[in-house]
Structure formats: C-alpha cells, structure tokens
Amino acid sequence: VLLGLLIGYLRFRWGLEATALVAVLALAILSLHDPLDPVWATQRTWELAKITLVFVASIHLLNSGRRVAGFATIWFGLFVLFPVRGTLVNYARGYQLGGRALWNHVWENPNDLAAGALITAAVGGALLCVVRRGSIRIGIVVGLALLGVVVVLSGSRGVFLGTVGAALMLAWHTRRVTKVLVASGCLLLLGLAAAPQPIRERLATLTQLGDPEAMRTADAGSVKERVTLWKTAFAIIGDYPILGIGVGAFPMANQQYARDLAHDGSVFGRAAAPRQD
C-alpha cells in the first residue's frame, strides 16, 4: 500500500468504517492504564491494532469491483476448502460436540463456525449476482449448499435465526418475493428434515422463547449461563462506563463478578465457575 501511494498507483481512501475502527482501537489503548487482566488485554489490543492495519490497507487495495470480486472469490473458496471440508470430515468420523458439528482452532466452537459460515454465505450470494454462468457459478452454488449443511449441523440457534432473517431481507429487496420465499422455505424444511435428531431437538427450543421457565428446563446450561453473562456484563458496565476493563479482560472480570453476584443468590447455573465467558 505504501509503495502504491508513493508511485501514485493508489489514492488515499478513508471512510466512516475506518474512523469507527480506529476510535475503538483508541479506546482499547486508553483502557490499558488500568485493565482487570493486563497481560490478556495487552495481547488482545495488539491483535486489534493488527486488524485495524489490515482493514485500512484493504480499503486501499480493494478499490475496484474487479478486485473486490477477486478477493471475495478467494475468501469464499478458501472457507469452503478448509473449515467446511474439515467440519464435514470431522462430523462423518464422529468428531462432534454433543451431536453438533465443529472443526478446530478458531472454529472449534460450533456457534463461531456457524457465524463464519453465514457471513461467507452472504459473500457467496453476492458473487452469484456477479457470476452469471459457467463452472465458477456452479462451484459457488455447491459451496452455498455445503455452507447450509454446516449451519444446520452446527445446531446454532442464533445463526439459524440469522439465516431466516437474511432470507426475509433478501425477499424484501428483490422483485421475486414469492420465488425467494418459496425457495428459502423449501431449503429450510429440507435442511431440518435431513438434520440429526439432536439438532432438531435443539432448534425446537426456539418455539419456547416466550416461556422462560420452559427454556430453562429444555436447555438449562446454555440459558442459565447467558443470563449470568448479561448480569455480570451490566454490572461491569456500571463500574466502568467509559473506557471499560480492557479488550479481552472479560473472562477474568466475569469470573470475579459472577462469584460476587452469586453470594446473594441472584445468579444461578455455573455462575462462579472459573473463566466462564
């Protein structure tokens, strides 16, 4: 990027997104004067700085439709080639987490894996609007189908709702509303029918969102831990409303705050378990 700017090949580009990210980085740096977890916060702030640098570089390099399409194609292809392929191989070999699909490293959490798959599916959908025919388009369609399989096998209810929401947004912005809704509905029913029984039972708990007691009974661990997280998060915000506690310091802070809140019985579940974040 620097070389391109020096020889006039690139123009300096900025935007609201870059400003917002730099502002977040500045807050993270300011919070380092008194973080609850200095070592972890310093590491995470350094990672955020590198992410910011990569983002600022990308808005200079991806300065044309052709470059954006090329980058999106590489991103989509690599995600299907590695996390998706690895997840499906793991699942076929019986490497699962309570019946849920997962891969390794940053994708060893089924929810994170499903979220990455949903974002990549959006990239693939955009590519379909650019690539109208040929083998590349067929490959994108196959990749999208595999991403859908990963989302279903992950059992992530949040991403499942996000997928439904994305389909509704697509229908809202297209002229073929009926076609999009019918196609999305058929794919949804097909995915649920092909999903293993544990996955269907997990997704079925979404029908009990209006009944907190039923949710606690059906999925005690997950719901209780999330309620605990909200309680400790609001307590932390109350004590550190401006600069926070440092990027990445929440695990230790949650451990401390959850234990304190648990003394008066207001927190249930694994509130005081070490580093539940």
C-alpha atoms as a PDB file:
ATOM      1  CA  VAL A   1       0.000   0.000   0.000  1.00  0.00           C
ATOM      2  CA  LEU A   2       2.785   2.439   0.906  1.00  0.00           C
ATOM      3  CA  LEU A   3       4.632   1.720  -2.334  1.00  0.00           C
ATOM      4  CA  GLY A   4       1.449   2.175  -4.337  1.00  0.00           C
ATOM      5  CA  LEU A   5       0.750   5.501  -2.650  1.00  0.00           C
ATOM      6  CA  LEU A   6       4.305   6.717  -3.274  1.00  0.00           C
ATOM      7  CA  ILE A   7       4.263   5.981  -7.003  1.00  0.00           C
ATOM      8  CA  GLY A   8       0.729   7.304  -7.407  1.00  0.00           C
ATOM      9  CA  TYR A   9      -0.829   3.927  -8.167  1.00  0.00           C
ATOM     10  CA  LEU A  10      -3.291   4.213  -5.289  1.00  0.00           C
ATOM     11  CA  ARG A  11      -5.249   7.113  -3.921  1.00  0.00           C
ATOM     12  CA  PHE A  12      -5.587   7.655  -0.200  1.00  0.00           C
ATOM     13  CA  ARG A  13      -9.031   6.409   0.807  1.00  0.00           C
ATOM     14  CA  TRP A  14     -10.840   6.638   4.125  1.00  0.00           C
ATOM     15  CA  GLY A  15     -14.373   6.276   5.413  1.00  0.00           C
ATOM     16  CA  LEU A  16     -16.691   6.155   8.382  1.00  0.00           C
ATOM     17  CA  GLU A  17     -15.922   2.476   8.989  1.00  0.00           C
ATOM     18  CA  ALA A  18     -12.186   3.133   9.264  1.00  0.00           C
ATOM     19  CA  THR A  19     -12.820   6.048  11.617  1.00  0.00           C
ATOM     20  CA  ALA A  20     -15.033   3.892  13.841  1.00  0.00           C
ATOM     21  CA  LEU A  21     -12.458   1.086  13.989  1.00  0.00           C
ATOM     22  CA  VAL A  22      -9.627   3.482  14.836  1.00  0.00           C
ATOM     23  CA  ALA A  23     -11.818   5.005  17.567  1.00  0.00           C
ATOM     24  CA  VAL A  24     -12.400   1.559  19.079  1.00  0.00           C
ATOM     25  CA  LEU A  25      -8.650   0.900  18.972  1.00  0.00           C
ATOM     26  CA  ALA A  26      -8.007   4.233  20.708  1.00  0.00           C
ATOM     27  CA  LEU A  27     -10.449   3.333  23.488  1.00  0.00           C
ATOM     28  CA  ALA A  28      -8.777  -0.051  23.842  1.00  0.00           C
ATOM     29  CA  ILE A  29      -5.369   1.610  24.200  1.00  0.00           C
ATOM     30  CA  LEU A  30      -6.691   4.089  26.765  1.00  0.00           C
ATOM     31  CA  SER A  31      -8.210   1.259  28.789  1.00  0.00           C
ATOM     32  CA  LEU A  32      -4.772  -0.325  29.205  1.00  0.00           C
ATOM     33  CA  HIS A  33      -3.915   2.105  32.003  1.00  0.00           C
ATOM     34  CA  ASP A  34      -5.974   0.012  34.441  1.00  0.00           C
ATOM     35  CA  PRO A  35      -7.216  -3.270  32.890  1.00  0.00           C
ATOM     36  CA  LEU A  36      -8.514  -6.107  35.028  1.00  0.00           C
ATOM     37  CA  ASP A  37      -6.352  -8.563  33.094  1.00  0.00           C
ATOM     38  CA  PRO A  38      -3.216  -6.658  31.929  1.00  0.00           C
ATOM     39  CA  VAL A  39      -1.472  -9.483  30.062  1.00  0.00           C
ATOM     40  CA  TRP A  40      -4.549 -10.671  28.192  1.00  0.00           C
ATOM     41  CA  ALA A  41      -5.770  -7.116  27.471  1.00  0.00           C
ATOM     42  CA  THR A  42      -2.379  -6.138  26.043  1.00  0.00           C
ATOM     43  CA  GLN A  43      -2.342  -9.165  23.745  1.00  0.00           C
ATOM     44  CA  ARG A  44      -5.870  -8.540  22.514  1.00  0.00           C
ATOM     45  CA  THR A  45      -5.224  -4.823  21.968  1.00  0.00           C
ATOM     46  CA  TRP A  46      -2.165  -5.677  19.870  1.00  0.00           C
ATOM     47  CA  GLU A  47      -4.310  -8.065  17.824  1.00  0.00           C
ATOM     48  CA  LEU A  48      -6.928  -5.327  17.354  1.00  0.00           C
ATOM     49  CA  ALA A  49      -4.181  -2.982  16.146  1.00  0.00           C
ATOM     50  CA  LYS A  50      -3.128  -5.517  13.514  1.00  0.00           C
ATOM     51  CA  ILE A  51      -6.750  -5.993  12.435  1.00  0.00           C
ATOM     52  CA  THR A  52      -7.108  -2.239  12.083  1.00  0.00           C
ATOM     53  CA  LEU A  53      -3.958  -2.061   9.958  1.00  0.00           C
ATOM     54  CA  VAL A  54      -5.180  -4.857   7.688  1.00  0.00           C
ATOM     55  CA  PHE A  55      -8.572  -3.156   7.318  1.00  0.00           C
ATOM     56  CA  VAL A  56      -7.071   0.224   6.427  1.00  0.00           C
ATOM     57  CA  ALA A  57      -4.795  -1.492   3.906  1.00  0.00           C
ATOM     58  CA  SER A  58      -7.706  -3.402   2.386  1.00  0.00           C
ATOM     59  CA  ILE A  59      -9.793  -0.304   1.636  1.00  0.00           C
ATOM     60  CA  HIS A  60      -6.858   0.988  -0.420  1.00  0.00           C
ATOM     61  CA  LEU A  61      -6.171  -2.236  -2.284  1.00  0.00           C
ATOM     62  CA  LEU A  62      -9.793  -3.293  -2.905  1.00  0.00           C
ATOM     63  CA  ASN A  63     -10.594  -0.127  -4.824  1.00  0.00           C
ATOM     64  CA  SER A  64     -12.429  -1.580  -7.813  1.00  0.00           C
ATOM     65  CA  GLY A  65     -15.265  -4.009  -8.444  1.00  0.00           C
ATOM     66  CA  ARG A  66     -12.905  -6.488 -10.097  1.00  0.00           C
ATOM     67  CA  ARG A  67     -10.570  -6.554  -7.100  1.00  0.00           C
ATOM     68  CA  VAL A  68     -13.423  -6.911  -4.632  1.00  0.00           C
ATOM     69  CA  ALA A  69     -14.879  -9.785  -6.669  1.00  0.00           C
ATOM     70  CA  GLY A  70     -11.486 -11.489  -6.808  1.00  0.00           C
ATOM     71  CA  PHE A  71     -10.954 -11.147  -3.090  1.00  0.00           C
ATOM     72  CA  ALA A  72     -14.480 -12.398  -2.364  1.00  0.00           C
ATOM     73  CA  THR A  73     -13.941 -15.423  -4.603  1.00  0.00           C
ATOM     74  CA  ILE A  74     -10.711 -16.338  -2.819  1.00  0.00           C
ATOM     75  CA  TRP A  75     -12.330 -15.859   0.605  1.00  0.00           C
ATOM     76  CA  PHE A  76     -15.352 -17.973  -0.323  1.00  0.00           C
ATOM     77  CA  GLY A  77     -13.259 -20.720  -1.896  1.00  0.00           C
ATOM     78  CA  LEU A  78     -10.801 -21.000   0.988  1.00  0.00           C
ATOM     79  CA  PHE A  79     -13.588 -21.133   3.576  1.00  0.00           C
ATOM     80  CA  VAL A  80     -15.292 -23.969   1.716  1.00  0.00           C
ATOM     81  CA  LEU A  81     -11.970 -25.726   1.135  1.00  0.00           C
ATOM     82  CA  PHE A  82     -10.862 -25.660   4.770  1.00  0.00           C
ATOM     83  CA  PRO A  83     -13.398 -25.030   7.574  1.00  0.00           C
ATOM     84  CA  VAL A  84     -16.343 -26.501   5.643  1.00  0.00           C
ATOM     85  CA  ARG A  85     -14.456 -29.515   4.343  1.00  0.00           C
ATOM     86  CA  GLY A  86     -12.791 -30.137   7.708  1.00  0.00           C
ATOM     87  CA  THR A  87     -16.093 -29.828   9.551  1.00  0.00           C
ATOM     88  CA  LEU A  88     -17.866 -32.327   7.316  1.00  0.00           C
ATOM     89  CA  VAL A  89     -14.957 -34.783   7.544  1.00  0.00           C
ATOM     90  CA  ASN A  90     -14.930 -34.448  11.342  1.00  0.00           C
ATOM     91  CA  TYR A  91     -18.674 -34.973  11.532  1.00  0.00           C
ATOM     92  CA  ALA A  92     -18.522 -38.071   9.326  1.00  0.00           C
ATOM     93  CA  ARG A  93     -15.788 -39.512  11.533  1.00  0.00           C
ATOM     94  CA  GLY A  94     -17.803 -38.887  14.705  1.00  0.00           C
ATOM     95  CA  TYR A  95     -15.827 -35.888  15.984  1.00  0.00           C
ATOM     96  CA  GLN A  96     -18.719 -33.835  17.342  1.00  0.00           C
ATOM     97  CA  LEU A  97     -19.712 -31.765  20.361  1.00  0.00           C
ATOM     98  CA  GLY A  98     -22.964 -33.133  21.719  1.00  0.00           C
ATOM     99  CA  GLY A  99     -24.020 -34.035  18.201  1.00  0.00           C
ATOM    100  CA  ARG A 100     -23.006 -30.602  16.854  1.00  0.00           C
ATOM    101  CA  ALA A 101     -20.505 -30.107  14.042  1.00  0.00           C
ATOM    102  CA  LEU A 102     -17.212 -28.306  14.620  1.00  0.00           C
ATOM    103  CA  TRP A 103     -13.698 -28.002  13.226  1.00  0.00           C
ATOM    104  CA  ASN A 104     -10.565 -26.842  15.107  1.00  0.00           C
ATOM    105  CA  HIS A 105      -8.713 -23.800  16.415  1.00  0.00           C
ATOM    106  CA  VAL A 106     -10.866 -20.677  15.932  1.00  0.00           C
ATOM    107  CA  TRP A 107     -13.672 -22.859  14.541  1.00  0.00           C
ATOM    108  CA  GLU A 108     -13.823 -25.327  17.430  1.00  0.00           C
ATOM    109  CA  ASN A 109     -16.920 -23.542  18.776  1.00  0.00           C
ATOM    110  CA  PRO A 110     -19.987 -24.604  16.733  1.00  0.00           C
ATOM    111  CA  ASN A 111     -21.576 -21.159  17.160  1.00  0.00           C
ATOM    112  CA  ASP A 112     -18.487 -19.371  15.827  1.00  0.00           C
ATOM    113  CA  LEU A 113     -18.262 -21.832  12.951  1.00  0.00           C
ATOM    114  CA  ALA A 114     -21.891 -21.251  12.027  1.00  0.00           C
ATOM    115  CA  ALA A 115     -21.465 -17.462  12.232  1.00  0.00           C
ATOM    116  CA  GLY A 116     -18.475 -17.618   9.880  1.00  0.00           C
ATOM    117  CA  ALA A 117     -20.474 -19.831   7.522  1.00  0.00           C
ATOM    118  CA  LEU A 118     -23.366 -17.349   7.468  1.00  0.00           C
ATOM    119  CA  ILE A 119     -21.061 -14.418   6.664  1.00  0.00           C
ATOM    120  CA  THR A 120     -19.347 -16.416   3.934  1.00  0.00           C
ATOM    121  CA  ALA A 121     -22.736 -17.440   2.533  1.00  0.00           C
ATOM    122  CA  ALA A 122     -23.560 -13.742   2.173  1.00  0.00           C
ATOM    123  CA  VAL A 123     -20.331 -13.308   0.216  1.00  0.00           C
ATOM    124  CA  GLY A 124     -21.282 -16.272  -1.988  1.00  0.00           C
ATOM    125  CA  GLY A 125     -24.729 -14.827  -2.580  1.00  0.00           C
ATOM    126  CA  ALA A 126     -23.164 -11.567  -3.719  1.00  0.00           C
ATOM    127  CA  LEU A 127     -20.885 -13.479  -6.095  1.00  0.00           C
ATOM    128  CA  LEU A 128     -23.920 -15.135  -7.675  1.00  0.00           C
ATOM    129  CA  CYS A 129     -25.076 -11.658  -8.693  1.00  0.00           C
ATOM    130  CA  VAL A 130     -21.741 -11.132 -10.484  1.00  0.00           C
ATOM    131  CA  VAL A 131     -21.014 -14.579 -11.964  1.00  0.00           C
ATOM    132  CA  ARG A 132     -23.931 -15.333 -14.248  1.00  0.00           C
ATOM    133  CA  ARG A 133     -22.787 -18.581 -15.878  1.00  0.00           C
ATOM    134  CA  GLY A 134     -20.018 -21.134 -16.149  1.00  0.00           C
ATOM    135  CA  SER A 135     -18.273 -23.583 -13.847  1.00  0.00           C
ATOM    136  CA  ILE A 136     -17.465 -20.910 -11.259  1.00  0.00           C
ATOM    137  CA  ARG A 137     -21.161 -20.253 -10.725  1.00  0.00           C
ATOM    138  CA  ILE A 138     -21.805 -23.978 -10.291  1.00  0.00           C
ATOM    139  CA  GLY A 139     -18.993 -24.126  -7.751  1.00  0.00           C
ATOM    140  CA  ILE A 140     -20.494 -21.204  -5.827  1.00  0.00           C
ATOM    141  CA  VAL A 141     -23.901 -22.911  -5.715  1.00  0.00           C
ATOM    142  CA  VAL A 142     -22.315 -26.136  -4.437  1.00  0.00           C
ATOM    143  CA  GLY A 143     -20.351 -24.156  -1.849  1.00  0.00           C
ATOM    144  CA  LEU A 144     -23.512 -22.408  -0.665  1.00  0.00           C
ATOM    145  CA  ALA A 145     -25.248 -25.759  -0.281  1.00  0.00           C
ATOM    146  CA  LEU A 146     -22.354 -27.081   1.827  1.00  0.00           C
ATOM    147  CA  LEU A 147     -22.413 -23.932   3.950  1.00  0.00           C
ATOM    148  CA  GLY A 148     -26.090 -24.553   4.598  1.00  0.00           C
ATOM    149  CA  VAL A 149     -25.303 -28.083   5.723  1.00  0.00           C
ATOM    150  CA  VAL A 150     -22.671 -26.771   8.142  1.00  0.00           C
ATOM    151  CA  VAL A 151     -25.097 -24.207   9.590  1.00  0.00           C
ATOM    152  CA  VAL A 152     -27.717 -26.897  10.215  1.00  0.00           C
ATOM    153  CA  LEU A 153     -25.255 -29.418  11.663  1.00  0.00           C
ATOM    154  CA  SER A 154     -23.780 -26.770  13.960  1.00  0.00           C
ATOM    155  CA  GLY A 155     -27.096 -26.527  15.794  1.00  0.00           C
ATOM    156  CA  SER A 156     -26.552 -22.801  16.357  1.00  0.00           C
ATOM    157  CA  ARG A 157     -29.954 -21.300  17.089  1.00  0.00           C
ATOM    158  CA  GLY A 158     -28.685 -17.735  16.786  1.00  0.00           C
ATOM    159  CA  VAL A 159     -27.282 -18.338  13.313  1.00  0.00           C
ATOM    160  CA  PHE A 160     -30.421 -20.265  12.377  1.00  0.00           C
ATOM    161  CA  LEU A 161     -32.475 -17.170  13.218  1.00  0.00           C
ATOM    162  CA  GLY A 162     -29.925 -15.030  11.382  1.00  0.00           C
ATOM    163  CA  THR A 163     -30.317 -17.189   8.270  1.00  0.00           C
ATOM    164  CA  VAL A 164     -34.089 -16.808   8.380  1.00  0.00           C
ATOM    165  CA  GLY A 165     -33.667 -13.064   8.825  1.00  0.00           C
ATOM    166  CA  ALA A 166     -31.280 -12.896   5.871  1.00  0.00           C
ATOM    167  CA  ALA A 167     -33.804 -14.732   3.683  1.00  0.00           C
ATOM    168  CA  LEU A 168     -36.506 -12.234   4.678  1.00  0.00           C
ATOM    169  CA  MET A 169     -34.169  -9.306   3.912  1.00  0.00           C
ATOM    170  CA  LEU A 170     -33.415 -10.825   0.516  1.00  0.00           C
ATOM    171  CA  ALA A 171     -37.131 -11.199  -0.198  1.00  0.00           C
ATOM    172  CA  TRP A 172     -37.712  -7.583   0.837  1.00  0.00           C
ATOM    173  CA  HIS A 173     -35.119  -6.266  -1.619  1.00  0.00           C
ATOM    174  CA  THR A 174     -35.960  -8.472  -4.604  1.00  0.00           C
ATOM    175  CA  ARG A 175     -38.693  -8.270  -7.174  1.00  0.00           C
ATOM    176  CA  ARG A 176     -39.277 -12.018  -6.998  1.00  0.00           C
ATOM    177  CA  VAL A 177     -40.600 -12.129  -3.438  1.00  0.00           C
ATOM    178  CA  THR A 178     -42.696 -15.258  -3.855  1.00  0.00           C
ATOM    179  CA  LYS A 179     -39.894 -17.179  -5.558  1.00  0.00           C
ATOM    180  CA  VAL A 180     -37.371 -16.278  -2.870  1.00  0.00           C
ATOM    181  CA  LEU A 181     -39.725 -17.126  -0.001  1.00  0.00           C
ATOM    182  CA  VAL A 182     -40.769 -20.452  -1.542  1.00  0.00           C
ATOM    183  CA  ALA A 183     -37.176 -21.431  -2.309  1.00  0.00           C
ATOM    184  CA  SER A 184     -35.977 -20.415   1.162  1.00  0.00           C
ATOM    185  CA  GLY A 185     -38.834 -22.272   2.825  1.00  0.00           C
ATOM    186  CA  CYS A 186     -38.148 -25.438   0.857  1.00  0.00           C
ATOM    187  CA  LEU A 187     -34.442 -25.302   1.685  1.00  0.00           C
ATOM    188  CA  LEU A 188     -35.266 -24.726   5.352  1.00  0.00           C
ATOM    189  CA  LEU A 189     -37.635 -27.688   5.533  1.00  0.00           C
ATOM    190  CA  LEU A 190     -35.178 -29.890   3.636  1.00  0.00           C
ATOM    191  CA  GLY A 191     -32.355 -28.947   5.986  1.00  0.00           C
ATOM    192  CA  LEU A 192     -34.423 -29.640   9.085  1.00  0.00           C
ATOM    193  CA  ALA A 193     -35.620 -32.958   7.711  1.00  0.00           C
ATOM    194  CA  ALA A 194     -32.055 -34.061   6.942  1.00  0.00           C
ATOM    195  CA  ALA A 195     -30.671 -32.894  10.305  1.00  0.00           C
ATOM    196  CA  PRO A 196     -29.962 -35.489  13.019  1.00  0.00           C
ATOM    197  CA  GLN A 197     -32.466 -35.808  15.840  1.00  0.00           C
ATOM    198  CA  PRO A 198     -30.312 -33.966  18.467  1.00  0.00           C
ATOM    199  CA  ILE A 199     -30.030 -30.969  16.142  1.00  0.00           C
ATOM    200  CA  ARG A 200     -33.776 -30.880  15.515  1.00  0.00           C
ATOM    201  CA  GLU A 201     -34.467 -31.079  19.242  1.00  0.00           C
ATOM    202  CA  ARG A 202     -32.052 -28.233  19.900  1.00  0.00           C
ATOM    203  CA  LEU A 203     -33.593 -25.997  17.244  1.00  0.00           C
ATOM    204  CA  ALA A 204     -37.065 -26.887  18.536  1.00  0.00           C
ATOM    205  CA  THR A 205     -36.327 -24.969  21.737  1.00  0.00           C
ATOM    206  CA  LEU A 206     -36.750 -21.769  19.682  1.00  0.00           C
ATOM    207  CA  THR A 207     -40.501 -22.353  19.903  1.00  0.00           C
ATOM    208  CA  GLN A 208     -40.258 -21.837  23.690  1.00  0.00           C
ATOM    209  CA  LEU A 209     -38.684 -18.371  23.629  1.00  0.00           C
ATOM    210  CA  GLY A 210     -41.807 -16.833  25.131  1.00  0.00           C
ATOM    211  CA  ASP A 211     -41.715 -19.126  28.162  1.00  0.00           C
ATOM    212  CA  PRO A 212     -38.558 -18.545  30.273  1.00  0.00           C
ATOM    213  CA  GLU A 213     -39.261 -21.473  32.608  1.00  0.00           C
ATOM    214  CA  ALA A 214     -39.698 -23.856  29.685  1.00  0.00           C
ATOM    215  CA  MET A 215     -36.450 -22.602  28.171  1.00  0.00           C
ATOM    216  CA  ARG A 216     -34.589 -23.197  31.422  1.00  0.00           C
ATOM    217  CA  THR A 217     -35.958 -26.722  31.585  1.00  0.00           C
ATOM    218  CA  ALA A 218     -35.210 -27.569  27.969  1.00  0.00           C
ATOM    219  CA  ASP A 219     -31.749 -26.029  27.827  1.00  0.00           C
ATOM    220  CA  ALA A 220     -30.706 -25.279  31.377  1.00  0.00           C
ATOM    221  CA  GLY A 221     -26.967 -24.875  30.937  1.00  0.00           C
ATOM    222  CA  SER A 222     -26.947 -22.602  27.904  1.00  0.00           C
ATOM    223  CA  VAL A 223     -29.775 -20.326  29.021  1.00  0.00           C
ATOM    224  CA  LYS A 224     -28.552 -20.001  32.600  1.00  0.00           C
ATOM    225  CA  GLU A 225     -25.024 -19.146  31.513  1.00  0.00           C
ATOM    226  CA  ARG A 226     -26.260 -16.492  29.103  1.00  0.00           C
ATOM    227  CA  VAL A 227     -28.426 -14.900  31.789  1.00  0.00           C
ATOM    228  CA  THR A 228     -25.372 -14.871  34.041  1.00  0.00           C
ATOM    229  CA  LEU A 229     -23.303 -13.208  31.333  1.00  0.00           C
ATOM    230  CA  TRP A 230     -25.862 -10.426  30.911  1.00  0.00           C
ATOM    231  CA  LYS A 231     -25.986  -9.798  34.651  1.00  0.00           C
ATOM    232  CA  THR A 232     -22.219  -9.631  35.047  1.00  0.00           C
ATOM    233  CA  ALA A 233     -21.868  -7.546  31.870  1.00  0.00           C
ATOM    234  CA  PHE A 234     -24.289  -4.894  33.124  1.00  0.00           C
ATOM    235  CA  ALA A 235     -22.547  -4.855  36.497  1.00  0.00           C
ATOM    236  CA  ILE A 236     -19.183  -4.307  34.771  1.00  0.00           C
ATOM    237  CA  ILE A 237     -20.642  -1.538  32.588  1.00  0.00           C
ATOM    238  CA  GLY A 238     -21.944   0.169  35.704  1.00  0.00           C
ATOM    239  CA  ASP A 239     -18.472   0.185  37.274  1.00  0.00           C
ATOM    240  CA  TYR A 240     -16.525   1.012  34.079  1.00  0.00           C
ATOM    241  CA  PRO A 241     -18.930   3.007  31.874  1.00  0.00           C
ATOM    242  CA  ILE A 242     -16.425   4.874  29.674  1.00  0.00           C
ATOM    243  CA  LEU A 243     -13.185   3.006  28.994  1.00  0.00           C
ATOM    244  CA  GLY A 244     -14.255  -0.441  30.092  1.00  0.00           C
ATOM    245  CA  ILE A 245     -11.918  -3.046  31.546  1.00  0.00           C
ATOM    246  CA  GLY A 246      -9.582  -3.664  28.612  1.00  0.00           C
ATOM    247  CA  VAL A 247     -10.017  -5.689  25.440  1.00  0.00           C
ATOM    248  CA  GLY A 248     -10.073  -9.391  26.257  1.00  0.00           C
ATOM    249  CA  ALA A 249     -10.370  -8.906  30.023  1.00  0.00           C
ATOM    250  CA  PHE A 250     -13.972 -10.069  30.244  1.00  0.00           C
ATOM    251  CA  PRO A 251     -13.218 -13.730  31.127  1.00  0.00           C
ATOM    252  CA  MET A 252     -11.417 -12.759  34.327  1.00  0.00           C
ATOM    253  CA  ALA A 253     -13.897  -9.973  35.104  1.00  0.00           C
ATOM    254  CA  ASN A 254     -16.830 -12.316  34.592  1.00  0.00           C
ATOM    255  CA  GLN A 255     -15.241 -14.832  36.922  1.00  0.00           C
ATOM    256  CA  GLN A 256     -14.960 -12.201  39.664  1.00  0.00           C
ATOM    257  CA  TYR A 257     -18.302 -10.503  39.167  1.00  0.00           C
ATOM    258  CA  ALA A 258     -20.278 -13.734  38.801  1.00  0.00           C
ATOM    259  CA  ARG A 259     -18.834 -15.031  42.053  1.00  0.00           C
ATOM    260  CA  ASP A 260     -19.791 -11.802  43.853  1.00  0.00           C
ATOM    261  CA  LEU A 261     -23.305 -11.793  42.432  1.00  0.00           C
ATOM    262  CA  ALA A 262     -23.769 -15.440  43.320  1.00  0.00           C
ATOM    263  CA  HIS A 263     -23.369 -14.747  47.037  1.00  0.00           C
ATOM    264  CA  ASP A 264     -26.845 -13.234  47.319  1.00  0.00           C
ATOM    265  CA  GLY A 265     -28.432 -15.936  45.205  1.00  0.00           C
ATOM    266  CA  SER A 266     -29.195 -13.694  42.253  1.00  0.00           C
ATOM    267  CA  VAL A 267     -27.127 -15.753  39.837  1.00  0.00           C
ATOM    268  CA  PHE A 268     -27.810 -19.383  39.060  1.00  0.00           C
ATOM    269  CA  GLY A 269     -26.134 -22.074  36.990  1.00  0.00           C
ATOM    270  CA  ARG A 270     -22.352 -22.147  36.636  1.00  0.00           C
ATOM    271  CA  ALA A 271     -22.031 -18.551  37.797  1.00  0.00           C
ATOM    272  CA  ALA A 272     -18.816 -18.909  39.762  1.00  0.00           C
ATOM    273  CA  ALA A 273     -17.160 -21.499  37.509  1.00  0.00           C
ATOM    274  CA  PRO A 274     -13.651 -20.360  36.537  1.00  0.00           C
ATOM    275  CA  ARG A 275     -13.427 -18.185  33.440  1.00  0.00           C
ATOM    276  CA  GLN A 276     -16.872 -18.898  32.015  1.00  0.00           C
ATOM    277  CA  ASP A 277     -17.161 -16.236  29.323  1.00  0.00           C
END
